Amino acid sequence: MIIGRDGNTTIITQEITSVKALVNKIEGIYDAHKNYHLIIKLSSLEKIPKEDILEFLRLSNNHRASKKSFVIVSEKVDLDQVPDELAVVPTLQEAYDLIEMEDIERDLGF
């Protein structure tokens, strides 16, 4: 797992082959990153089944409840199978764009 910071956003890049192991590691270090928007890059996995993406649901819901964005970046996910509660985009730029849009919505009180 590689962790980087870009302004008010933490970017976590997956190096572990298991999504479940990655979620467990993120939960272990969560307190250090809970005040930042989170982008999770899953670029080294071949295909990501729906069950693996759902591993992030609890973490995403908790993070978004604290008025911070949680975005997963992967082009290997079937977006039709992703629940609305999870934000999954194919590129890093789209993740930044989504965070910016969500910031605007929060500022407007949505």
PDB file of N, CA and C in Angstrom:
ATOM      1  N   MET A   1       0.846  -1.165   0.000  1.00  0.00           N
ATOM      2  CA  MET A   1       0.000   0.000   0.000  1.00  0.00           C
ATOM      3  C   MET A   1       0.899   1.238   0.000  1.00  0.00           C
ATOM      4  N   ILE A   2       0.646   2.106  -0.940  1.00  0.00           N
ATOM      5  CA  ILE A   2       1.384   3.372  -1.043  1.00  0.00           C
ATOM      6  C   ILE A   2       0.414   4.488  -0.676  1.00  0.00           C
ATOM      7  N   ILE A   3       0.849   5.355   0.241  1.00  0.00           N
ATOM      8  CA  ILE A   3       0.002   6.446   0.706  1.00  0.00           C
ATOM      9  C   ILE A   3       0.646   7.769   0.310  1.00  0.00           C
ATOM     10  N   GLY A   4      -0.133   8.619  -0.348  1.00  0.00           N
ATOM     11  CA  GLY A   4       0.339   9.942  -0.723  1.00  0.00           C
ATOM     12  C   GLY A   4      -0.697  10.979  -0.336  1.00  0.00           C
ATOM     13  N   ARG A   5      -0.280  12.223  -0.304  1.00  0.00           N
ATOM     14  CA  ARG A   5      -1.196  13.290   0.051  1.00  0.00           C
ATOM     15  C   ARG A   5      -1.102  14.381  -0.994  1.00  0.00           C
ATOM     16  N   ASP A   6      -2.254  14.896  -1.386  1.00  0.00           N
ATOM     17  CA  ASP A   6      -2.336  15.995  -2.339  1.00  0.00           C
ATOM     18  C   ASP A   6      -3.331  17.001  -1.775  1.00  0.00           C
ATOM     19  N   GLY A   7      -2.831  18.004  -1.079  1.00  0.00           N
ATOM     20  CA  GLY A   7      -3.703  18.990  -0.445  1.00  0.00           C
ATOM     21  C   GLY A   7      -4.546  18.344   0.637  1.00  0.00           C
ATOM     22  N   ASN A   8      -5.866  18.391   0.471  1.00  0.00           N
ATOM     23  CA  ASN A   8      -6.769  17.832   1.478  1.00  0.00           C
ATOM     24  C   ASN A   8      -7.254  16.433   1.096  1.00  0.00           C
ATOM     25  N   THR A   9      -6.467  15.743   0.252  1.00  0.00           N
ATOM     26  CA  THR A   9      -6.835  14.416  -0.224  1.00  0.00           C
ATOM     27  C   THR A   9      -5.713  13.429   0.045  1.00  0.00           C
ATOM     28  N   THR A  10      -6.066  12.272   0.573  1.00  0.00           N
ATOM     29  CA  THR A  10      -5.129  11.174   0.739  1.00  0.00           C
ATOM     30  C   THR A  10      -5.388  10.173  -0.380  1.00  0.00           C
ATOM     31  N   ILE A  11      -4.315   9.761  -1.052  1.00  0.00           N
ATOM     32  CA  ILE A  11      -4.423   8.787  -2.131  1.00  0.00           C
ATOM     33  C   ILE A  11      -3.746   7.501  -1.666  1.00  0.00           C
ATOM     34  N   ILE A  12      -4.514   6.431  -1.633  1.00  0.00           N
ATOM     35  CA  ILE A  12      -3.986   5.130  -1.232  1.00  0.00           C
ATOM     36  C   ILE A  12      -3.966   4.240  -2.470  1.00  0.00           C
ATOM     37  N   THR A  13      -2.776   3.802  -2.842  1.00  0.00           N
ATOM     38  CA  THR A  13      -2.617   2.944  -4.011  1.00  0.00           C
ATOM     39  C   THR A  13      -2.429   1.514  -3.548  1.00  0.00           C
ATOM     40  N   GLN A  14      -3.205   0.619  -4.114  1.00  0.00           N
ATOM     41  CA  GLN A  14      -3.217  -0.773  -3.729  1.00  0.00           C
ATOM     42  C   GLN A  14      -2.036  -1.503  -4.342  1.00  0.00           C
ATOM     43  N   GLU A  15      -1.292  -2.203  -3.507  1.00  0.00           N
ATOM     44  CA  GLU A  15      -0.227  -3.099  -3.964  1.00  0.00           C
ATOM     45  C   GLU A  15      -0.512  -4.530  -3.548  1.00  0.00           C
ATOM     46  N   ILE A  16      -1.418  -4.704  -2.633  1.00  0.00           N
ATOM     47  CA  ILE A  16      -1.759  -6.012  -2.093  1.00  0.00           C
ATOM     48  C   ILE A  16      -2.721  -6.694  -3.063  1.00  0.00           C
ATOM     49  N   THR A  17      -2.580  -7.980  -3.233  1.00  0.00           N
ATOM     50  CA  THR A  17      -3.436  -8.667  -4.196  1.00  0.00           C
ATOM     51  C   THR A  17      -4.850  -8.884  -3.682  1.00  0.00           C
ATOM     52  N   SER A  18      -5.064  -8.811  -2.387  1.00  0.00           N
ATOM     53  CA  SER A  18      -6.386  -9.044  -1.814  1.00  0.00           C
ATOM     54  C   SER A  18      -7.043  -7.725  -1.416  1.00  0.00           C
ATOM     55  N   VAL A  19      -8.252  -7.506  -1.915  1.00  0.00           N
ATOM     56  CA  VAL A  19      -8.991  -6.297  -1.560  1.00  0.00           C
ATOM     57  C   VAL A  19      -9.342  -6.321  -0.080  1.00  0.00           C
ATOM     58  N   LYS A  20      -9.704  -7.478   0.434  1.00  0.00           N
ATOM     59  CA  LYS A  20     -10.043  -7.598   1.860  1.00  0.00           C
ATOM     60  C   LYS A  20      -8.862  -7.192   2.735  1.00  0.00           C
ATOM     61  N   ALA A  21      -7.651  -7.614   2.365  1.00  0.00           N
ATOM     62  CA  ALA A  21      -6.456  -7.235   3.122  1.00  0.00           C
ATOM     63  C   ALA A  21      -6.220  -5.734   3.046  1.00  0.00           C
ATOM     64  N   LEU A  22      -6.478  -5.137   1.885  1.00  0.00           N
ATOM     65  CA  LEU A  22      -6.323  -3.695   1.734  1.00  0.00           C
ATOM     66  C   LEU A  22      -7.309  -2.946   2.620  1.00  0.00           C
ATOM     67  N   VAL A  23      -8.556  -3.370   2.620  1.00  0.00           N
ATOM     68  CA  VAL A  23      -9.573  -2.724   3.466  1.00  0.00           C
ATOM     69  C   VAL A  23      -9.160  -2.816   4.934  1.00  0.00           C
ATOM     70  N   ASN A  24      -8.671  -3.975   5.357  1.00  0.00           N
ATOM     71  CA  ASN A  24      -8.219  -4.137   6.749  1.00  0.00           C
ATOM     72  C   ASN A  24      -7.066  -3.194   7.073  1.00  0.00           C
ATOM     73  N   LYS A  25      -6.109  -3.033   6.144  1.00  0.00           N
ATOM     74  CA  LYS A  25      -4.986  -2.114   6.383  1.00  0.00           C
ATOM     75  C   LYS A  25      -5.465  -0.665   6.460  1.00  0.00           C
ATOM     76  N   ILE A  26      -6.405  -0.299   5.587  1.00  0.00           N
ATOM     77  CA  ILE A  26      -6.929   1.072   5.606  1.00  0.00           C
ATOM     78  C   ILE A  26      -7.651   1.328   6.922  1.00  0.00           C
ATOM     79  N   GLU A  27      -8.437   0.363   7.375  1.00  0.00           N
ATOM     80  CA  GLU A  27      -9.129   0.526   8.652  1.00  0.00           C
ATOM     81  C   GLU A  27      -8.130   0.675   9.796  1.00  0.00           C
ATOM     82  N   GLY A  28      -6.983   0.012   9.700  1.00  0.00           N
ATOM     83  CA  GLY A  28      -5.959   0.107  10.733  1.00  0.00           C
ATOM     84  C   GLY A  28      -5.295   1.468  10.813  1.00  0.00           C
ATOM     85  N   ILE A  29      -5.214   2.166   9.679  1.00  0.00           N
ATOM     86  CA  ILE A  29      -4.567   3.486   9.655  1.00  0.00           C
ATOM     87  C   ILE A  29      -5.581   4.614   9.485  1.00  0.00           C
ATOM     88  N   TYR A  30      -6.846   4.289   9.571  1.00  0.00           N
ATOM     89  CA  TYR A  30      -7.909   5.241   9.241  1.00  0.00           C
ATOM     90  C   TYR A  30      -7.838   6.530  10.061  1.00  0.00           C
ATOM     91  N   ASP A  31      -7.558   6.444  11.339  1.00  0.00           N
ATOM     92  CA  ASP A  31      -7.555   7.640  12.190  1.00  0.00           C
ATOM     93  C   ASP A  31      -6.600   8.718  11.679  1.00  0.00           C
ATOM     94  N   ALA A  32      -5.509   8.321  11.050  1.00  0.00           N
ATOM     95  CA  ALA A  32      -4.547   9.293  10.537  1.00  0.00           C
ATOM     96  C   ALA A  32      -5.047   9.995   9.271  1.00  0.00           C
ATOM     97  N   HIS A  33      -6.075   9.438   8.632  1.00  0.00           N
ATOM     98  CA  HIS A  33      -6.532   9.976   7.351  1.00  0.00           C
ATOM     99  C   HIS A  33      -8.012  10.351   7.348  1.00  0.00           C
ATOM    100  N   LYS A  34      -8.664  10.266   8.492  1.00  0.00           N
ATOM    101  CA  LYS A  34     -10.111  10.484   8.536  1.00  0.00           C
ATOM    102  C   LYS A  34     -10.528  11.917   8.235  1.00  0.00           C
ATOM    103  N   ASN A  35      -9.627  12.873   8.348  1.00  0.00           N
ATOM    104  CA  ASN A  35      -9.969  14.275   8.085  1.00  0.00           C
ATOM    105  C   ASN A  35      -9.664  14.705   6.655  1.00  0.00           C
ATOM    106  N   TYR A  36      -9.326  13.754   5.805  1.00  0.00           N
ATOM    107  CA  TYR A  36      -8.997  14.032   4.403  1.00  0.00           C
ATOM    108  C   TYR A  36      -9.963  13.272   3.498  1.00  0.00           C
ATOM    109  N   HIS A  37     -10.150  13.776   2.304  1.00  0.00           N
ATOM    110  CA  HIS A  37     -10.867  13.001   1.294  1.00  0.00           C
ATOM    111  C   HIS A  37      -9.992  11.793   0.976  1.00  0.00           C
ATOM    112  N   LEU A  38     -10.603  10.653   0.668  1.00  0.00           N
ATOM    113  CA  LEU A  38      -9.835   9.452   0.364  1.00  0.00           C
ATOM    114  C   LEU A  38     -10.074   9.000  -1.068  1.00  0.00           C
ATOM    115  N   ILE A  39      -8.978   8.754  -1.760  1.00  0.00           N
ATOM    116  CA  ILE A  39      -9.024   8.132  -3.081  1.00  0.00           C
ATOM    117  C   ILE A  39      -8.293   6.801  -2.955  1.00  0.00           C
ATOM    118  N   ILE A  40      -8.971   5.732  -3.343  1.00  0.00           N
ATOM    119  CA  ILE A  40      -8.382   4.399  -3.301  1.00  0.00           C
ATOM    120  C   ILE A  40      -8.144   3.952  -4.735  1.00  0.00           C
ATOM    121  N   LYS A  41      -6.876   3.794  -5.121  1.00  0.00           N
ATOM    122  CA  LYS A  41      -6.534   3.375  -6.480  1.00  0.00           C
ATOM    123  C   LYS A  41      -6.317   1.865  -6.501  1.00  0.00           C
ATOM    124  N   LEU A  42      -7.125   1.183  -7.287  1.00  0.00           N
ATOM    125  CA  LEU A  42      -7.023  -0.275  -7.420  1.00  0.00           C
ATOM    126  C   LEU A  42      -6.511  -0.617  -8.815  1.00  0.00           C
ATOM    127  N   SER A  43      -5.376  -0.093  -9.165  1.00  0.00           N
ATOM    128  CA  SER A  43      -4.894  -0.222 -10.536  1.00  0.00           C
ATOM    129  C   SER A  43      -4.152  -1.522 -10.827  1.00  0.00           C
ATOM    130  N   SER A  44      -3.680  -2.234  -9.819  1.00  0.00           N
ATOM    131  CA  SER A  44      -2.873  -3.423 -10.096  1.00  0.00           C
ATOM    132  C   SER A  44      -3.685  -4.714 -10.148  1.00  0.00           C
ATOM    133  N   LEU A  45      -4.985  -4.635  -9.933  1.00  0.00           N
ATOM    134  CA  LEU A  45      -5.817  -5.823 -10.011  1.00  0.00           C
ATOM    135  C   LEU A  45      -6.339  -6.000 -11.431  1.00  0.00           C
ATOM    136  N   GLU A  46      -6.462  -7.245 -11.857  1.00  0.00           N
ATOM    137  CA  GLU A  46      -6.944  -7.536 -13.207  1.00  0.00           C
ATOM    138  C   GLU A  46      -8.428  -7.235 -13.349  1.00  0.00           C
ATOM    139  N   LYS A  47      -9.267  -7.969 -12.650  1.00  0.00           N
ATOM    140  CA  LYS A  47     -10.711  -7.762 -12.688  1.00  0.00           C
ATOM    141  C   LYS A  47     -11.193  -7.754 -11.246  1.00  0.00           C
ATOM    142  N   ILE A  48     -12.095  -6.857 -10.947  1.00  0.00           N
ATOM    143  CA  ILE A  48     -12.546  -6.723  -9.563  1.00  0.00           C
ATOM    144  C   ILE A  48     -14.019  -7.098  -9.501  1.00  0.00           C
ATOM    145  N   PRO A  49     -14.326  -8.229  -8.862  1.00  0.00           N
ATOM    146  CA  PRO A  49     -15.733  -8.634  -8.762  1.00  0.00           C
ATOM    147  C   PRO A  49     -16.510  -7.760  -7.785  1.00  0.00           C
ATOM    148  N   LYS A  50     -17.811  -7.794  -7.915  1.00  0.00           N
ATOM    149  CA  LYS A  50     -18.707  -6.993  -7.075  1.00  0.00           C
ATOM    150  C   LYS A  50     -18.470  -7.262  -5.590  1.00  0.00           C
ATOM    151  N   GLU A  51     -18.224  -8.510  -5.225  1.00  0.00           N
ATOM    152  CA  GLU A  51     -18.011  -8.866  -3.816  1.00  0.00           C
ATOM    153  C   GLU A  51     -16.814  -8.122  -3.229  1.00  0.00           C
ATOM    154  N   ASP A  52     -15.754  -7.963  -4.034  1.00  0.00           N
ATOM    155  CA  ASP A  52     -14.575  -7.244  -3.552  1.00  0.00           C
ATOM    156  C   ASP A  52     -14.863  -5.755  -3.368  1.00  0.00           C
ATOM    157  N   ILE A  53     -15.580  -5.161  -4.300  1.00  0.00           N
ATOM    158  CA  ILE A  53     -15.921  -3.741  -4.181  1.00  0.00           C
ATOM    159  C   ILE A  53     -16.793  -3.499  -2.949  1.00  0.00           C
ATOM    160  N   LEU A  54     -17.683  -4.440  -2.666  1.00  0.00           N
ATOM    161  CA  LEU A  54     -18.569  -4.290  -1.503  1.00  0.00           C
ATOM    162  C   LEU A  54     -17.804  -4.300  -0.181  1.00  0.00           C
ATOM    163  N   GLU A  55     -16.565  -4.790  -0.168  1.00  0.00           N
ATOM    164  CA  GLU A  55     -15.727  -4.747   1.030  1.00  0.00           C
ATOM    165  C   GLU A  55     -15.505  -3.303   1.496  1.00  0.00           C
ATOM    166  N   PHE A  56     -15.566  -2.356   0.577  1.00  0.00           N
ATOM    167  CA  PHE A  56     -15.333  -0.944   0.896  1.00  0.00           C
ATOM    168  C   PHE A  56     -16.580  -0.231   1.397  1.00  0.00           C
ATOM    169  N   LEU A  57     -17.732  -0.864   1.340  1.00  0.00           N
ATOM    170  CA  LEU A  57     -18.999  -0.183   1.616  1.00  0.00           C
ATOM    171  C   LEU A  57     -19.061   0.418   3.018  1.00  0.00           C
ATOM    172  N   ARG A  58     -18.730  -0.347   4.032  1.00  0.00           N
ATOM    173  CA  ARG A  58     -18.797   0.159   5.415  1.00  0.00           C
ATOM    174  C   ARG A  58     -17.829   1.322   5.611  1.00  0.00           C
ATOM    175  N   LEU A  59     -16.608   1.155   5.123  1.00  0.00           N
ATOM    176  CA  LEU A  59     -15.602   2.209   5.239  1.00  0.00           C
ATOM    177  C   LEU A  59     -16.046   3.473   4.510  1.00  0.00           C
ATOM    178  N   SER A  60     -16.599   3.309   3.320  1.00  0.00           N
ATOM    179  CA  SER A  60     -17.082   4.449   2.545  1.00  0.00           C
ATOM    180  C   SER A  60     -18.226   5.156   3.254  1.00  0.00           C
ATOM    181  N   ASN A  61     -19.196   4.400   3.743  1.00  0.00           N
ATOM    182  CA  ASN A  61     -20.340   5.006   4.431  1.00  0.00           C
ATOM    183  C   ASN A  61     -19.908   5.787   5.663  1.00  0.00           C
ATOM    184  N   ASN A  62     -18.987   5.235   6.444  1.00  0.00           N
ATOM    185  CA  ASN A  62     -18.488   5.927   7.636  1.00  0.00           C
ATOM    186  C   ASN A  62     -17.758   7.212   7.262  1.00  0.00           C
ATOM    187  N   HIS A  63     -16.943   7.140   6.224  1.00  0.00           N
ATOM    188  CA  HIS A  63     -16.151   8.302   5.826  1.00  0.00           C
ATOM    189  C   HIS A  63     -17.049   9.401   5.256  1.00  0.00           C
ATOM    190  N   ARG A  64     -17.994   9.021   4.444  1.00  0.00           N
ATOM    191  CA  ARG A  64     -18.891  10.011   3.843  1.00  0.00           C
ATOM    192  C   ARG A  64     -19.831  10.619   4.880  1.00  0.00           C
ATOM    193  N   ALA A  65     -20.131   9.883   5.942  1.00  0.00           N
ATOM    194  CA  ALA A  65     -20.969  10.427   7.013  1.00  0.00           C
ATOM    195  C   ALA A  65     -20.272  11.578   7.727  1.00  0.00           C
ATOM    196  N   SER A  66     -18.939  11.591   7.683  1.00  0.00           N
ATOM    197  CA  SER A  66     -18.181  12.678   8.303  1.00  0.00           C
ATOM    198  C   SER A  66     -17.904  13.815   7.313  1.00  0.00           C
ATOM    199  N   LYS A  67     -18.681  13.854   6.230  1.00  0.00           N
ATOM    200  CA  LYS A  67     -18.627  14.936   5.234  1.00  0.00           C
ATOM    201  C   LYS A  67     -17.307  14.985   4.471  1.00  0.00           C
ATOM    202  N   LYS A  68     -16.733  13.819   4.213  1.00  0.00           N
ATOM    203  CA  LYS A  68     -15.530  13.701   3.393  1.00  0.00           C
ATOM    204  C   LYS A  68     -15.808  12.727   2.262  1.00  0.00           C
ATOM    205  N   SER A  69     -15.179  12.944   1.123  1.00  0.00           N
ATOM    206  CA  SER A  69     -15.390  12.091  -0.042  1.00  0.00           C
ATOM    207  C   SER A  69     -14.559  10.817   0.063  1.00  0.00           C
ATOM    208  N   PHE A  70     -15.110   9.746  -0.496  1.00  0.00           N
ATOM    209  CA  PHE A  70     -14.440   8.440  -0.566  1.00  0.00           C
ATOM    210  C   PHE A  70     -14.659   7.936  -1.986  1.00  0.00           C
ATOM    211  N   VAL A  71     -13.576   7.848  -2.765  1.00  0.00           N
ATOM    212  CA  VAL A  71     -13.691   7.488  -4.177  1.00  0.00           C
ATOM    213  C   VAL A  71     -12.736   6.336  -4.483  1.00  0.00           C
ATOM    214  N   ILE A  72     -13.246   5.340  -5.187  1.00  0.00           N
ATOM    215  CA  ILE A  72     -12.439   4.213  -5.639  1.00  0.00           C
ATOM    216  C   ILE A  72     -12.136   4.432  -7.120  1.00  0.00           C
ATOM    217  N   VAL A  73     -10.864   4.271  -7.499  1.00  0.00           N
ATOM    218  CA  VAL A  73     -10.458   4.439  -8.885  1.00  0.00           C
ATOM    219  C   VAL A  73     -10.082   3.078  -9.450  1.00  0.00           C
ATOM    220  N   SER A  74     -10.841   2.647 -10.456  1.00  0.00           N
ATOM    221  CA  SER A  74     -10.532   1.413 -11.157  1.00  0.00           C
ATOM    222  C   SER A  74     -11.327   1.366 -12.450  1.00  0.00           C
ATOM    223  N   GLU A  75     -10.674   0.964 -13.498  1.00  0.00           N
ATOM    224  CA  GLU A  75     -11.381   0.779 -14.768  1.00  0.00           C
ATOM    225  C   GLU A  75     -11.754  -0.687 -14.966  1.00  0.00           C
ATOM    226  N   LYS A  76     -11.507  -1.502 -13.951  1.00  0.00           N
ATOM    227  CA  LYS A  76     -11.768  -2.940 -14.052  1.00  0.00           C
ATOM    228  C   LYS A  76     -12.969  -3.380 -13.226  1.00  0.00           C
ATOM    229  N   VAL A  77     -13.858  -2.443 -12.958  1.00  0.00           N
ATOM    230  CA  VAL A  77     -15.064  -2.724 -12.182  1.00  0.00           C
ATOM    231  C   VAL A  77     -16.267  -2.527 -13.094  1.00  0.00           C
ATOM    232  N   ASP A  78     -17.220  -3.442 -13.009  1.00  0.00           N
ATOM    233  CA  ASP A  78     -18.465  -3.283 -13.746  1.00  0.00           C
ATOM    234  C   ASP A  78     -19.318  -2.268 -12.991  1.00  0.00           C
ATOM    235  N   LEU A  79     -19.369  -1.054 -13.507  1.00  0.00           N
ATOM    236  CA  LEU A  79     -20.045   0.035 -12.803  1.00  0.00           C
ATOM    237  C   LEU A  79     -21.543  -0.196 -12.641  1.00  0.00           C
ATOM    238  N   ASP A  80     -22.118  -1.046 -13.477  1.00  0.00           N
ATOM    239  CA  ASP A  80     -23.543  -1.362 -13.357  1.00  0.00           C
ATOM    240  C   ASP A  80     -23.849  -2.183 -12.115  1.00  0.00           C
ATOM    241  N   GLN A  81     -22.830  -2.847 -11.560  1.00  0.00           N
ATOM    242  CA  GLN A  81     -23.030  -3.691 -10.383  1.00  0.00           C
ATOM    243  C   GLN A  81     -22.654  -2.994  -9.078  1.00  0.00           C
ATOM    244  N   VAL A  82     -22.170  -1.782  -9.158  1.00  0.00           N
ATOM    245  CA  VAL A  82     -21.734  -1.046  -7.973  1.00  0.00           C
ATOM    246  C   VAL A  82     -22.931  -0.341  -7.347  1.00  0.00           C
ATOM    247  N   PRO A  83     -23.141  -0.504  -6.031  1.00  0.00           N
ATOM    248  CA  PRO A  83     -24.262   0.206  -5.392  1.00  0.00           C
ATOM    249  C   PRO A  83     -24.031   1.724  -5.408  1.00  0.00           C
ATOM    250  N   ASP A  84     -25.124   2.458  -5.359  1.00  0.00           N
ATOM    251  CA  ASP A  84     -25.052   3.926  -5.412  1.00  0.00           C
ATOM    252  C   ASP A  84     -24.258   4.520  -4.254  1.00  0.00           C
ATOM    253  N   GLU A  85     -24.166   3.815  -3.139  1.00  0.00           N
ATOM    254  CA  GLU A  85     -23.445   4.333  -1.969  1.00  0.00           C
ATOM    255  C   GLU A  85     -21.941   4.404  -2.200  1.00  0.00           C
ATOM    256  N   LEU A  86     -21.436   3.675  -3.196  1.00  0.00           N
ATOM    257  CA  LEU A  86     -20.004   3.683  -3.482  1.00  0.00           C
ATOM    258  C   LEU A  86     -19.728   4.535  -4.715  1.00  0.00           C
ATOM    259  N   ALA A  87     -18.697   5.374  -4.614  1.00  0.00           N
ATOM    260  CA  ALA A  87     -18.275   6.181  -5.753  1.00  0.00           C
ATOM    261  C   ALA A  87     -17.086   5.486  -6.406  1.00  0.00           C
ATOM    262  N   VAL A  88     -17.296   4.974  -7.618  1.00  0.00           N
ATOM    263  CA  VAL A  88     -16.239   4.303  -8.369  1.00  0.00           C
ATOM    264  C   VAL A  88     -16.110   5.000  -9.715  1.00  0.00           C
ATOM    265  N   VAL A  89     -14.890   5.408 -10.036  1.00  0.00           N
ATOM    266  CA  VAL A  89     -14.621   6.082 -11.300  1.00  0.00           C
ATOM    267  C   VAL A  89     -13.420   5.410 -11.976  1.00  0.00           C
ATOM    268  N   PRO A  90     -13.307   5.542 -13.302  1.00  0.00           N
ATOM    269  CA  PRO A  90     -12.221   4.851 -13.996  1.00  0.00           C
ATOM    270  C   PRO A  90     -10.857   5.549 -13.966  1.00  0.00           C
ATOM    271  N   THR A  91     -10.814   6.856 -13.686  1.00  0.00           N
ATOM    272  CA  THR A  91      -9.523   7.558 -13.721  1.00  0.00           C
ATOM    273  C   THR A  91      -9.328   8.429 -12.482  1.00  0.00           C
ATOM    274  N   LEU A  92      -8.073   8.732 -12.215  1.00  0.00           N
ATOM    275  CA  LEU A  92      -7.740   9.589 -11.083  1.00  0.00           C
ATOM    276  C   LEU A  92      -8.298  10.998 -11.275  1.00  0.00           C
ATOM    277  N   GLN A  93      -8.255  11.511 -12.494  1.00  0.00           N
ATOM    278  CA  GLN A  93      -8.805  12.847 -12.748  1.00  0.00           C
ATOM    279  C   GLN A  93     -10.295  12.899 -12.437  1.00  0.00           C
ATOM    280  N   GLU A  94     -11.022  11.842 -12.786  1.00  0.00           N
ATOM    281  CA  GLU A  94     -12.449  11.805 -12.474  1.00  0.00           C
ATOM    282  C   GLU A  94     -12.682  11.755 -10.965  1.00  0.00           C
ATOM    283  N   ALA A  95     -11.775  11.128 -10.232  1.00  0.00           N
ATOM    284  CA  ALA A  95     -11.887  11.109  -8.769  1.00  0.00           C
ATOM    285  C   ALA A  95     -11.755  12.520  -8.217  1.00  0.00           C
ATOM    286  N   TYR A  96     -10.768  13.272  -8.701  1.00  0.00           N
ATOM    287  CA  TYR A  96     -10.612  14.664  -8.268  1.00  0.00           C
ATOM    288  C   TYR A  96     -11.833  15.502  -8.647  1.00  0.00           C
ATOM    289  N   ASP A  97     -12.364  15.280  -9.847  1.00  0.00           N
ATOM    290  CA  ASP A  97     -13.545  16.014 -10.286  1.00  0.00           C
ATOM    291  C   ASP A  97     -14.744  15.704  -9.386  1.00  0.00           C
ATOM    292  N   LEU A  98     -14.917  14.438  -9.032  1.00  0.00           N
ATOM    293  CA  LEU A  98     -16.023  14.041  -8.165  1.00  0.00           C
ATOM    294  C   LEU A  98     -15.885  14.665  -6.776  1.00  0.00           C
ATOM    295  N   ILE A  99     -14.683  14.682  -6.241  1.00  0.00           N
ATOM    296  CA  ILE A  99     -14.450  15.301  -4.937  1.00  0.00           C
ATOM    297  C   ILE A  99     -14.795  16.788  -4.995  1.00  0.00           C
ATOM    298  N   GLU A 100     -14.387  17.444  -6.072  1.00  0.00           N
ATOM    299  CA  GLU A 100     -14.693  18.871  -6.223  1.00  0.00           C
ATOM    300  C   GLU A 100     -16.202  19.101  -6.281  1.00  0.00           C
ATOM    301  N   MET A 101     -16.917  18.257  -7.029  1.00  0.00           N
ATOM    302  CA  MET A 101     -18.374  18.391  -7.115  1.00  0.00           C
ATOM    303  C   MET A 101     -19.032  18.140  -5.760  1.00  0.00           C
ATOM    304  N   GLU A 102     -18.550  17.127  -5.028  1.00  0.00           N
ATOM    305  CA  GLU A 102     -19.123  16.840  -3.715  1.00  0.00           C
ATOM    306  C   GLU A 102     -18.826  17.966  -2.735  1.00  0.00           C
ATOM    307  N   ASP A 103     -17.652  18.586  -2.837  1.00  0.00           N
ATOM    308  CA  ASP A 103     -17.336  19.746  -1.988  1.00  0.00           C
ATOM    309  C   ASP A 103     -18.320  20.890  -2.257  1.00  0.00           C
ATOM    310  N   ILE A 104     -18.614  21.123  -3.517  1.00  0.00           N
ATOM    311  CA  ILE A 104     -19.568  22.180  -3.880  1.00  0.00           C
ATOM    312  C   ILE A 104     -20.947  21.854  -3.310  1.00  0.00           C
ATOM    313  N   GLU A 105     -21.378  20.608  -3.440  1.00  0.00           N
ATOM    314  CA  GLU A 105     -22.672  20.197  -2.885  1.00  0.00           C
ATOM    315  C   GLU A 105     -22.720  20.399  -1.370  1.00  0.00           C
ATOM    316  N   ARG A 106     -21.621  20.042  -0.687  1.00  0.00           N
ATOM    317  CA  ARG A 106     -21.581  20.225   0.776  1.00  0.00           C
ATOM    318  C   ARG A 106     -21.652  21.707   1.129  1.00  0.00           C
ATOM    319  N   ASP A 107     -20.939  22.545   0.366  1.00  0.00           N
ATOM    320  CA  ASP A 107     -20.962  23.990   0.613  1.00  0.00           C
ATOM    321  C   ASP A 107     -22.366  24.571   0.426  1.00  0.00           C
ATOM    322  N   LEU A 108     -23.109  23.986  -0.503  1.00  0.00           N
ATOM    323  CA  LEU A 108     -24.474  24.457  -0.763  1.00  0.00           C
ATOM    324  C   LEU A 108     -25.491  23.831   0.181  1.00  0.00           C
ATOM    325  N   GLY A 109     -25.069  22.912   1.025  1.00  0.00           N
ATOM    326  CA  GLY A 109     -25.951  22.313   2.018  1.00  0.00           C
ATOM    327  C   GLY A 109     -26.679  21.072   1.574  1.00  0.00           C
ATOM    328  N   PHE A 110     -26.237  20.439   0.515  1.00  0.00           N
ATOM    329  CA  PHE A 110     -26.868  19.203   0.061  1.00  0.00           C
ATOM    330  C   PHE A 110     -26.297  18.001   0.744  1.00  0.00           C
TER     331      PHE A 110
END
